[in-house]
């Protein structure tokens, strides 16, 4: 015959267990709150792609009555990549007063602009006044202080102190690109066609 009720042993409560369980619960709640707020304030590292996605379209920038900074770049450009943190901070500081436009030189859509602004290396920056007219350009990697000084002058409608500045550029190992007219394509980054 089977025993109708299994024997049960009464469990005794230890006051130390209650205290330990309470501390574990409090620590779990505190950690949960810290993780929640930590994830909310965590900043994402900007990339050329994310900056390009957030950029103002060229046609809007040249017509909306604000000065503009147009950056010609490429995803493979080491100098462009190196400037991302500085450019993201500059955009945070000036984005309410200046349009930031990014044009990828690997996109044939921008060939007319690359030719019009003599883009022969990247990064290449064109500064436009509020009327949409180009006022200066810089070529290559620029210190954040130089970019800020140029943007302050652009906003104040003053001559840019570092106009035509040249910094370190990325070279392309993609060979020579030529247009249908046989001229050097701006994406060749200043390389001349050899005869």
Protein backbone atom coordinates (compact mmCIF):
# COMPACT_ATOMS: atom_id res chain seq x y z
CA UNK A 1 0.00 0.00 0.00
CA UNK A 2 1.18 3.44 -0.82
CA UNK A 3 1.58 6.09 1.77
CA UNK A 4 -1.35 8.51 1.18
CA UNK A 5 0.58 11.65 2.15
CA UNK A 6 4.22 12.13 1.62
CA UNK A 7 6.04 13.26 4.65
CA UNK A 8 6.90 16.91 4.67
CA UNK A 9 9.68 18.43 6.65
CA UNK A 10 8.97 21.87 7.95
CA UNK A 11 11.51 24.43 6.76
CA UNK A 12 12.80 26.97 9.16
CA UNK A 13 13.43 30.54 8.13
CA UNK A 14 16.83 31.98 8.85
CA UNK A 15 16.84 35.77 9.43
CA UNK A 16 20.14 36.00 7.50
CA UNK A 17 18.48 34.52 4.40
CA UNK A 18 15.83 37.25 4.37
CA UNK A 19 18.45 39.95 4.61
CA UNK A 20 20.53 38.35 1.84
CA UNK A 21 17.47 38.02 -0.43
CA UNK A 22 16.57 41.66 0.21
CA UNK A 23 20.08 42.83 -0.68
CA UNK A 24 20.05 40.73 -3.87
CA UNK A 25 16.69 42.25 -4.86
CA UNK A 26 17.93 45.82 -4.24
CA UNK A 27 21.16 45.19 -6.20
CA UNK A 28 19.16 43.69 -9.10
CA UNK A 29 16.88 46.74 -9.24
CA UNK A 30 19.84 49.16 -9.10
CA UNK A 31 21.68 47.27 -11.86
CA UNK A 32 18.56 47.19 -14.02
CA UNK A 33 18.13 50.96 -13.67
CA UNK A 34 21.82 51.61 -14.44
CA UNK A 35 21.76 49.40 -17.52
CA UNK A 36 18.53 51.05 -18.74
CA UNK A 37 19.87 54.59 -18.39
CA UNK A 38 23.33 53.58 -19.58
CA UNK A 39 21.90 52.29 -22.83
CA UNK A 40 19.77 55.39 -23.28
CA UNK A 41 22.67 57.84 -22.92
CA UNK A 42 25.14 55.72 -24.85
CA UNK A 43 26.19 57.65 -27.95
CA UNK A 44 26.72 55.94 -31.24
CA UNK A 45 29.99 56.43 -33.05
CA UNK A 46 29.32 58.36 -36.26
CA UNK A 47 30.43 56.96 -39.61
CA UNK A 48 30.70 58.51 -43.04
CA UNK A 49 27.59 56.56 -44.00
CA UNK A 50 25.52 57.78 -41.06
CA UNK A 51 26.68 61.35 -41.62
CA UNK A 52 25.84 61.14 -45.34
CA UNK A 53 22.37 59.82 -44.54
CA UNK A 54 21.74 62.76 -42.21
CA UNK A 55 23.21 65.34 -44.59
CA UNK A 56 21.13 68.06 -46.20
CA UNK A 57 20.51 67.41 -49.92
CA UNK A 58 22.60 69.72 -52.13
CA UNK A 59 19.64 71.32 -53.91
CA UNK A 60 17.97 72.13 -50.56
CA UNK A 61 21.17 73.53 -49.07
CA UNK A 62 21.84 75.87 -51.96
CA UNK A 63 18.31 77.28 -51.86
CA UNK A 64 17.33 77.53 -48.18
CA UNK A 65 19.10 80.81 -47.30
CA UNK A 66 21.72 79.32 -44.96
CA UNK A 67 25.45 79.04 -45.66
CA UNK A 68 26.60 75.54 -46.57
CA UNK A 69 29.61 73.28 -46.24
CA UNK A 70 29.79 70.65 -48.97
CA UNK A 71 32.16 67.74 -48.42
CA UNK A 72 33.26 65.58 -51.33
CA UNK A 73 34.27 62.21 -49.84
CA UNK A 74 34.52 58.47 -50.46
CA UNK A 75 33.93 55.55 -48.11
CA UNK A 76 37.42 54.18 -48.78
CA UNK A 77 39.12 57.55 -48.07
CA UNK A 78 41.35 57.27 -44.98
CA UNK A 79 41.54 61.05 -44.52
CA UNK A 80 37.74 61.32 -44.78
CA UNK A 81 37.38 58.57 -42.16
CA UNK A 82 39.91 60.27 -39.89
CA UNK A 83 37.88 63.50 -39.94
CA UNK A 84 34.57 61.86 -38.98
CA UNK A 85 34.75 62.53 -35.20
CA UNK A 86 35.74 66.19 -35.72
CA UNK A 87 33.15 66.72 -38.45
CA UNK A 88 30.42 65.16 -36.30
CA UNK A 89 31.28 67.55 -33.46
CA UNK A 90 31.42 70.51 -35.85
CA UNK A 91 28.03 69.56 -37.24
CA UNK A 92 26.63 69.33 -33.70
CA UNK A 93 27.95 72.83 -32.97
CA UNK A 94 27.00 74.53 -36.25
CA UNK A 95 24.13 72.44 -37.66
CA UNK A 96 21.50 75.02 -36.72
CA UNK A 97 23.33 77.75 -38.70
CA UNK A 98 25.06 75.89 -41.54
CA UNK A 99 23.90 73.19 -43.96
CA UNK A 100 26.16 70.14 -44.05
CA UNK A 101 26.13 68.35 -47.42
CA UNK A 102 28.07 65.20 -48.31
CA UNK A 103 28.68 64.11 -51.91
CA UNK A 104 30.27 60.71 -52.56
CA UNK A 105 32.79 60.97 -55.43
CA UNK A 106 32.12 57.34 -56.33
CA UNK A 107 28.57 58.28 -57.34
CA UNK A 108 28.49 59.35 -61.01
CA UNK A 109 25.56 61.63 -60.17
CA UNK A 110 28.06 64.14 -58.73
CA UNK A 111 30.44 64.24 -61.74
CA UNK A 112 29.17 67.69 -62.85
CA UNK A 113 29.75 69.10 -59.37
CA UNK A 114 33.18 67.47 -59.11
CA UNK A 115 34.15 69.13 -62.39
CA UNK A 116 32.61 72.49 -61.51
CA UNK A 117 34.49 72.70 -58.19
CA UNK A 118 37.76 71.17 -59.45
CA UNK A 119 37.63 68.22 -57.06
CA UNK A 120 41.05 66.66 -57.57
CA UNK A 121 41.52 65.12 -54.13
CA UNK A 122 39.44 64.23 -51.10
CA UNK A 123 38.25 65.26 -48.70
CA UNK A 124 37.41 68.41 -50.63
CA UNK A 125 35.31 71.06 -48.89
CA UNK A 126 33.38 73.82 -50.66
CA UNK A 127 32.03 76.73 -48.61
CA UNK A 128 28.87 78.41 -49.91
CA UNK A 129 27.34 81.67 -48.69
CA UNK A 130 23.66 82.02 -47.84
CA UNK A 131 22.93 82.88 -51.49
CA UNK A 132 24.29 79.51 -52.63
CA UNK A 133 27.49 80.90 -54.18
CA UNK A 134 30.84 79.28 -53.53
CA UNK A 135 33.22 81.51 -51.58
CA UNK A 136 36.17 79.24 -50.76
CA UNK A 137 37.42 75.68 -50.67
CA UNK A 138 39.85 73.53 -48.71
CA UNK A 139 41.44 70.28 -49.67
CA UNK A 140 42.54 67.39 -47.51
CA UNK A 141 42.35 66.66 -43.82
CA UNK A 142 41.75 69.86 -41.84
CA UNK A 143 42.14 70.45 -38.10
CA UNK A 144 38.87 71.03 -36.29
CA UNK A 145 40.02 74.55 -35.32
CA UNK A 146 40.54 75.45 -39.00
CA UNK A 147 37.09 74.18 -39.95
CA UNK A 148 35.50 76.06 -37.04
CA UNK A 149 37.30 79.30 -37.93
CA UNK A 150 36.17 79.00 -41.55
CA UNK A 151 32.57 78.29 -40.51
CA UNK A 152 32.52 81.23 -38.09
CA UNK A 153 33.72 83.52 -40.89
CA UNK A 154 31.18 82.01 -43.29
CA UNK A 155 28.35 82.67 -40.84
CA UNK A 156 29.61 86.24 -40.27
CA UNK A 157 29.92 86.77 -44.04
CA UNK A 158 33.63 87.54 -43.61
CA UNK A 159 36.57 86.25 -45.65
CA UNK A 160 37.51 82.72 -44.62
CA UNK A 161 40.85 82.77 -42.78
CA UNK A 162 41.91 79.38 -44.12
CA UNK A 163 40.54 79.52 -47.65
CA UNK A 164 42.38 77.27 -50.07
CA UNK A 165 44.01 75.36 -47.18
CA UNK A 166 45.51 72.01 -48.12
CA UNK A 167 45.91 69.09 -45.74
CA UNK A 168 46.63 65.37 -45.99
CA UNK A 169 44.57 63.60 -48.65
CA UNK A 170 43.76 60.03 -49.55
CA UNK A 171 45.16 58.74 -52.80
CA UNK A 172 43.27 56.31 -54.93
CA UNK A 173 44.84 53.07 -56.07
CA UNK A 174 41.93 52.48 -58.40
CA UNK A 175 43.86 53.51 -61.48
CA UNK A 176 43.07 56.34 -63.85
CA UNK A 177 39.48 57.23 -64.56
CA UNK A 178 38.67 59.19 -67.68
CA UNK A 179 35.48 60.82 -68.79
CA UNK A 180 33.89 60.22 -72.17
CA UNK A 181 35.67 63.32 -73.46
CA UNK A 182 39.05 61.80 -72.58
CA UNK A 183 39.66 64.30 -69.80
CA UNK A 184 40.82 63.26 -66.37
CA UNK A 185 37.91 62.28 -64.14
CA UNK A 186 37.97 64.15 -60.80
CA UNK A 187 37.79 60.78 -59.06
CA UNK A 188 41.33 60.06 -60.25
CA UNK A 189 42.40 62.45 -57.45
CA UNK A 190 44.66 64.59 -59.54
CA UNK A 191 46.32 61.77 -61.44
CA UNK A 192 47.12 62.59 -65.03
CA UNK A 193 46.55 60.19 -67.88
CA UNK A 194 49.93 58.95 -69.07
CA UNK A 195 50.65 58.79 -72.77
